[in-house]
Amino acid sequence: MKRQPTVEYLDKAKQLTQEDAERAFSRMRGKLGRRMQDRQITPIEAVAIQLEIEDEELAEWRERWAEISARDAASVKSRKGS
């Protein structure tokens, strides 16, 4: 199933300046850009999907970073206890 933008991200995309929207376009992956070029989605929908993807990736990165930080803290603590 093809991804559809949520209302929340459509609103965010509509509020972007022209410059910020262009930056989102430049970060867009191939499939998303092709869908827009093939007129399957509008440019605003493409930007909304891009913003949503980036937020999901950022949340995943933060989760992984928190795990790494916790392991590192545990490692430092165990070294101090030795």
Protein backbone atom coordinates (compact mmCIF):
# COMPACT_ATOMS: atom_id res chain seq x y z
CA MET A 1 0.00 0.00 0.00
CA LYS A 2 1.29 3.43 -0.87
CA ARG A 3 1.84 5.83 1.95
CA GLN A 4 -0.64 8.68 2.32
CA PRO A 5 0.10 11.88 4.23
CA THR A 6 -1.68 12.49 7.51
CA VAL A 7 -3.68 15.64 8.15
CA GLU A 8 -1.14 16.75 10.77
CA TYR A 9 1.76 16.60 8.32
CA LEU A 10 -0.27 18.16 5.50
CA ASP A 11 -0.83 21.14 7.81
CA LYS A 12 2.88 21.29 8.62
CA ALA A 13 3.78 21.13 4.93
CA LYS A 14 1.38 23.94 4.08
CA GLN A 15 2.97 26.15 6.75
CA LEU A 16 6.51 25.76 5.38
CA THR A 17 8.19 28.65 3.63
CA GLN A 18 9.12 28.18 -0.03
CA GLU A 19 12.76 27.73 0.99
CA ASP A 20 11.95 25.07 3.60
CA ALA A 21 9.70 23.22 1.14
CA GLU A 22 12.53 23.22 -1.42
CA ARG A 23 14.89 21.77 1.19
CA ALA A 24 12.39 18.99 1.89
CA PHE A 25 12.19 18.30 -1.86
CA SER A 26 15.97 18.05 -2.04
CA ARG A 27 15.97 15.38 0.69
CA MET A 28 13.18 13.40 -0.97
CA ARG A 29 13.84 9.83 -1.99
CA GLY A 30 13.40 8.58 -5.52
CA LYS A 31 10.09 6.76 -5.16
CA LEU A 32 8.40 9.71 -3.55
CA GLY A 33 9.67 12.08 -6.21
CA ARG A 34 8.53 9.76 -8.99
CA ARG A 35 5.06 9.49 -7.46
CA MET A 36 4.85 13.27 -7.48
CA GLN A 37 6.12 13.51 -11.07
CA ASP A 38 3.61 10.87 -12.17
CA ARG A 39 0.91 13.06 -10.60
CA GLN A 40 -0.10 10.36 -8.12
CA ILE A 41 0.41 12.87 -5.30
CA THR A 42 0.62 16.65 -5.11
CA PRO A 43 3.82 18.49 -4.16
CA ILE A 44 2.29 19.38 -0.77
CA GLU A 45 1.46 15.71 -0.14
CA ALA A 46 5.02 14.73 -1.11
CA VAL A 47 6.49 17.26 1.33
CA ALA A 48 4.09 16.06 4.05
CA ILE A 49 5.14 12.45 3.55
CA GLN A 50 8.82 13.49 3.55
CA LEU A 51 8.37 15.36 6.85
CA GLU A 52 6.63 12.36 8.38
CA ILE A 53 9.39 9.99 7.23
CA GLU A 54 12.05 12.29 8.67
CA ASP A 55 10.25 12.51 12.02
CA GLU A 56 9.97 8.71 12.18
CA GLU A 57 13.65 8.29 11.34
CA LEU A 58 14.63 10.87 13.95
CA ALA A 59 12.56 9.08 16.61
CA GLU A 60 14.25 5.77 15.71
CA TRP A 61 17.69 7.39 15.84
CA ARG A 62 16.97 8.92 19.24
CA GLU A 63 15.83 5.54 20.54
CA ARG A 64 18.99 3.83 19.31
CA TRP A 65 21.15 6.63 20.70
CA ALA A 66 19.47 6.30 24.11
CA GLU A 67 20.25 2.56 24.08
CA ILE A 68 23.88 3.22 23.19
CA SER A 69 24.18 5.90 25.87
CA ALA A 70 22.67 3.58 28.48
CA ARG A 71 25.09 0.78 27.57
CA ASP A 72 28.00 3.21 27.67
CA ALA A 73 26.94 4.54 31.07
CA ALA A 74 26.60 1.00 32.40
CA SER A 75 30.04 0.14 31.03
CA VAL A 76 31.64 3.20 32.66
CA LYS A 77 29.88 2.42 35.94
CA SER A 78 31.10 -1.18 35.91
CA ARG A 79 34.67 -0.03 35.22
CA LYS A 80 34.57 2.35 38.18
CA GLY A 81 33.30 -0.45 40.41
CA SER A 82 36.23 -2.72 39.51
